[in-house]
Amino acid sequence: ANAPQAVASIALDDGEADTIDAAMKALMSGRDLPPEQPVVATFTSSLDAAVRLFWRNPDTGEEVLNGEVSGGDGLRIHTHPGHTFRAYRGDELVRSFTVTAERGGEEA
């Protein structure tokens, strides 16, 4: 079960391989695993009215308020790849965004 041939036959994507690489380096050096790196997402608005920004929980569909953006201002949020945000002006859905940047990256 733990033979090298059995372990080598497991198919891993790049993200999984990177996680195992980091775990093995931490184990061999006696250090803790590094924390997951967030994505820094910056939301801006060119509208004349304030826009409320909500994160949408993928499991429950609940929308959680993350802040408000006024014209010309920006809102920086630490988040993760694949997270979806929705911007509302009053009750009107203005736009929906899904984070596509890699961990440790930035998205505007």
C-alpha atoms as a PDB file:
ATOM      1  CA  ALA A   1       0.000   0.000   0.000  1.00  0.00           C
ATOM      2  CA  ASN A   2       2.884   2.394   0.739  1.00  0.00           C
ATOM      3  CA  ALA A   3       5.243   0.919  -1.837  1.00  0.00           C
ATOM      4  CA  PRO A   4       6.894   3.512  -4.085  1.00  0.00           C
ATOM      5  CA  GLN A   5       5.090   2.071  -7.124  1.00  0.00           C
ATOM      6  CA  ALA A   6       1.693   2.472  -5.431  1.00  0.00           C
ATOM      7  CA  VAL A   7       2.430   6.019  -4.323  1.00  0.00           C
ATOM      8  CA  ALA A   8       3.798   6.978  -7.771  1.00  0.00           C
ATOM      9  CA  SER A   9       0.620   5.708  -9.461  1.00  0.00           C
ATOM     10  CA  ILE A  10      -1.575   8.314  -7.717  1.00  0.00           C
ATOM     11  CA  ALA A  11      -2.633  11.056 -10.154  1.00  0.00           C
ATOM     12  CA  LEU A  12      -2.204  14.571  -8.726  1.00  0.00           C
ATOM     13  CA  ASP A  13      -2.983  17.931 -10.257  1.00  0.00           C
ATOM     14  CA  ASP A  14      -0.452  20.772  -9.933  1.00  0.00           C
ATOM     15  CA  GLY A  15      -2.114  22.241  -6.836  1.00  0.00           C
ATOM     16  CA  GLU A  16      -2.102  18.898  -5.029  1.00  0.00           C
ATOM     17  CA  ALA A  17       1.530  18.278  -5.992  1.00  0.00           C
ATOM     18  CA  ASP A  18       2.486  21.730  -4.674  1.00  0.00           C
ATOM     19  CA  THR A  19       0.678  21.035  -1.386  1.00  0.00           C
ATOM     20  CA  ILE A  20       2.495  17.710  -0.941  1.00  0.00           C
ATOM     21  CA  ASP A  21       5.812  19.368  -1.811  1.00  0.00           C
ATOM     22  CA  ALA A  22       5.246  22.077   0.833  1.00  0.00           C
ATOM     23  CA  ALA A  23       4.146  19.471   3.406  1.00  0.00           C
ATOM     24  CA  MET A  24       7.219  17.303   2.820  1.00  0.00           C
ATOM     25  CA  LYS A  25       9.572  20.291   3.060  1.00  0.00           C
ATOM     26  CA  ALA A  26       7.916  21.365   6.316  1.00  0.00           C
ATOM     27  CA  LEU A  27       8.088  17.821   7.704  1.00  0.00           C
ATOM     28  CA  MET A  28      11.757  17.367   6.811  1.00  0.00           C
ATOM     29  CA  SER A  29      12.753  20.759   8.238  1.00  0.00           C
ATOM     30  CA  GLY A  30      10.663  20.409  11.418  1.00  0.00           C
ATOM     31  CA  ARG A  31       8.649  23.548  10.619  1.00  0.00           C
ATOM     32  CA  ASP A  32       4.921  24.112  10.337  1.00  0.00           C
ATOM     33  CA  LEU A  33       3.213  24.250   6.968  1.00  0.00           C
ATOM     34  CA  PRO A  34       3.012  27.773   5.577  1.00  0.00           C
ATOM     35  CA  PRO A  35      -0.482  29.264   5.794  1.00  0.00           C
ATOM     36  CA  GLU A  36      -2.577  29.251   2.632  1.00  0.00           C
ATOM     37  CA  GLN A  37      -1.971  32.426   0.703  1.00  0.00           C
ATOM     38  CA  PRO A  38      -5.108  34.435  -0.041  1.00  0.00           C
ATOM     39  CA  VAL A  39      -5.927  36.344  -3.195  1.00  0.00           C
ATOM     40  CA  VAL A  40      -6.098  40.109  -2.766  1.00  0.00           C
ATOM     41  CA  ALA A  41      -9.156  41.262  -4.720  1.00  0.00           C
ATOM     42  CA  THR A  42      -9.741  44.971  -5.296  1.00  0.00           C
ATOM     43  CA  PHE A  43     -13.259  46.060  -6.169  1.00  0.00           C
ATOM     44  CA  THR A  44     -13.953  49.487  -7.668  1.00  0.00           C
ATOM     45  CA  SER A  45     -17.078  51.185  -8.961  1.00  0.00           C
ATOM     46  CA  SER A  46     -17.629  53.832 -11.603  1.00  0.00           C
ATOM     47  CA  LEU A  47     -21.286  54.252 -10.645  1.00  0.00           C
ATOM     48  CA  ASP A  48     -22.543  57.473  -9.073  1.00  0.00           C
ATOM     49  CA  ALA A  49     -24.245  55.602  -6.217  1.00  0.00           C
ATOM     50  CA  ALA A  50     -22.698  53.390  -3.546  1.00  0.00           C
ATOM     51  CA  VAL A  51     -22.569  49.676  -4.286  1.00  0.00           C
ATOM     52  CA  ARG A  52     -22.754  47.010  -1.572  1.00  0.00           C
ATOM     53  CA  LEU A  53     -20.492  44.009  -2.107  1.00  0.00           C
ATOM     54  CA  PHE A  54     -21.505  40.550  -0.891  1.00  0.00           C
ATOM     55  CA  TRP A  55     -19.587  37.252  -0.862  1.00  0.00           C
ATOM     56  CA  ARG A  56     -21.806  34.327  -1.875  1.00  0.00           C
ATOM     57  CA  ASN A  57     -21.363  31.193   0.233  1.00  0.00           C
ATOM     58  CA  PRO A  58     -21.150  28.335  -2.306  1.00  0.00           C
ATOM     59  CA  ASP A  59     -22.578  25.782   0.148  1.00  0.00           C
ATOM     60  CA  THR A  60     -25.620  27.685   1.411  1.00  0.00           C
ATOM     61  CA  GLY A  61     -26.141  30.440  -1.166  1.00  0.00           C
ATOM     62  CA  GLU A  62     -26.164  32.959   1.691  1.00  0.00           C
ATOM     63  CA  GLU A  63     -24.787  36.369   0.774  1.00  0.00           C
ATOM     64  CA  VAL A  64     -22.473  37.964   3.343  1.00  0.00           C
ATOM     65  CA  LEU A  65     -21.859  41.716   3.249  1.00  0.00           C
ATOM     66  CA  ASN A  66     -18.151  42.532   2.760  1.00  0.00           C
ATOM     67  CA  GLY A  67     -18.369  46.282   2.400  1.00  0.00           C
ATOM     68  CA  GLU A  68     -19.467  49.223   0.323  1.00  0.00           C
ATOM     69  CA  VAL A  69     -17.793  50.847  -2.671  1.00  0.00           C
ATOM     70  CA  SER A  70     -18.489  54.408  -3.810  1.00  0.00           C
ATOM     71  CA  GLY A  71     -17.553  55.856  -7.196  1.00  0.00           C
ATOM     72  CA  GLY A  72     -13.790  56.229  -7.452  1.00  0.00           C
ATOM     73  CA  ASP A  73     -13.097  54.328  -4.227  1.00  0.00           C
ATOM     74  CA  GLY A  74     -11.730  50.816  -3.939  1.00  0.00           C
ATOM     75  CA  LEU A  75     -12.337  47.961  -1.513  1.00  0.00           C
ATOM     76  CA  ARG A  76      -9.548  45.385  -0.957  1.00  0.00           C
ATOM     77  CA  ILE A  77     -10.579  41.948   0.295  1.00  0.00           C
ATOM     78  CA  HIS A  78      -8.508  38.861   1.116  1.00  0.00           C
ATOM     79  CA  THR A  79     -10.323  35.931  -0.477  1.00  0.00           C
ATOM     80  CA  HIS A  80      -9.709  32.664  -2.339  1.00  0.00           C
ATOM     81  CA  PRO A  81      -9.821  31.453  -5.941  1.00  0.00           C
ATOM     82  CA  GLY A  82     -13.338  30.559  -7.028  1.00  0.00           C
ATOM     83  CA  HIS A  83     -15.128  32.811  -4.540  1.00  0.00           C
ATOM     84  CA  THR A  84     -18.070  34.680  -6.031  1.00  0.00           C
ATOM     85  CA  PHE A  85     -19.041  38.240  -5.124  1.00  0.00           C
ATOM     86  CA  ARG A  86     -22.175  40.165  -6.048  1.00  0.00           C
ATOM     87  CA  ALA A  87     -22.514  43.935  -6.223  1.00  0.00           C
ATOM     88  CA  TYR A  88     -25.884  45.577  -5.512  1.00  0.00           C
ATOM     89  CA  ARG A  89     -27.087  49.125  -5.950  1.00  0.00           C
ATOM     90  CA  GLY A  90     -30.057  49.139  -3.594  1.00  0.00           C
ATOM     91  CA  ASP A  91     -31.852  45.864  -4.368  1.00  0.00           C
ATOM     92  CA  GLU A  92     -30.601  45.767  -7.970  1.00  0.00           C
ATOM     93  CA  LEU A  93     -27.891  43.226  -8.816  1.00  0.00           C
ATOM     94  CA  VAL A  94     -25.319  45.263 -10.751  1.00  0.00           C
ATOM     95  CA  ARG A  95     -22.687  42.614 -11.357  1.00  0.00           C
ATOM     96  CA  SER A  96     -21.392  39.231 -10.244  1.00  0.00           C
ATOM     97  CA  PHE A  97     -17.654  38.426 -10.050  1.00  0.00           C
ATOM     98  CA  THR A  98     -15.814  35.128  -9.588  1.00  0.00           C
ATOM     99  CA  VAL A  99     -12.191  35.307  -8.422  1.00  0.00           C
ATOM    100  CA  THR A 100      -9.869  33.660 -10.965  1.00  0.00           C
ATOM    101  CA  ALA A 101      -6.446  34.697  -9.625  1.00  0.00           C
ATOM    102  CA  GLU A 102      -4.181  32.037  -8.108  1.00  0.00           C
ATOM    103  CA  ARG A 103      -3.406  31.915  -4.385  1.00  0.00           C
ATOM    104  CA  GLY A 104      -0.963  34.668  -3.491  1.00  0.00           C
ATOM    105  CA  GLY A 105      -2.055  36.701  -6.513  1.00  0.00           C
ATOM    106  CA  GLU A 106      -4.077  39.839  -7.002  1.00  0.00           C
ATOM    107  CA  GLU A 107      -7.216  40.565  -8.974  1.00  0.00           C
ATOM    108  CA  ALA A 108      -8.858  43.887  -9.765  1.00  0.00           C
END
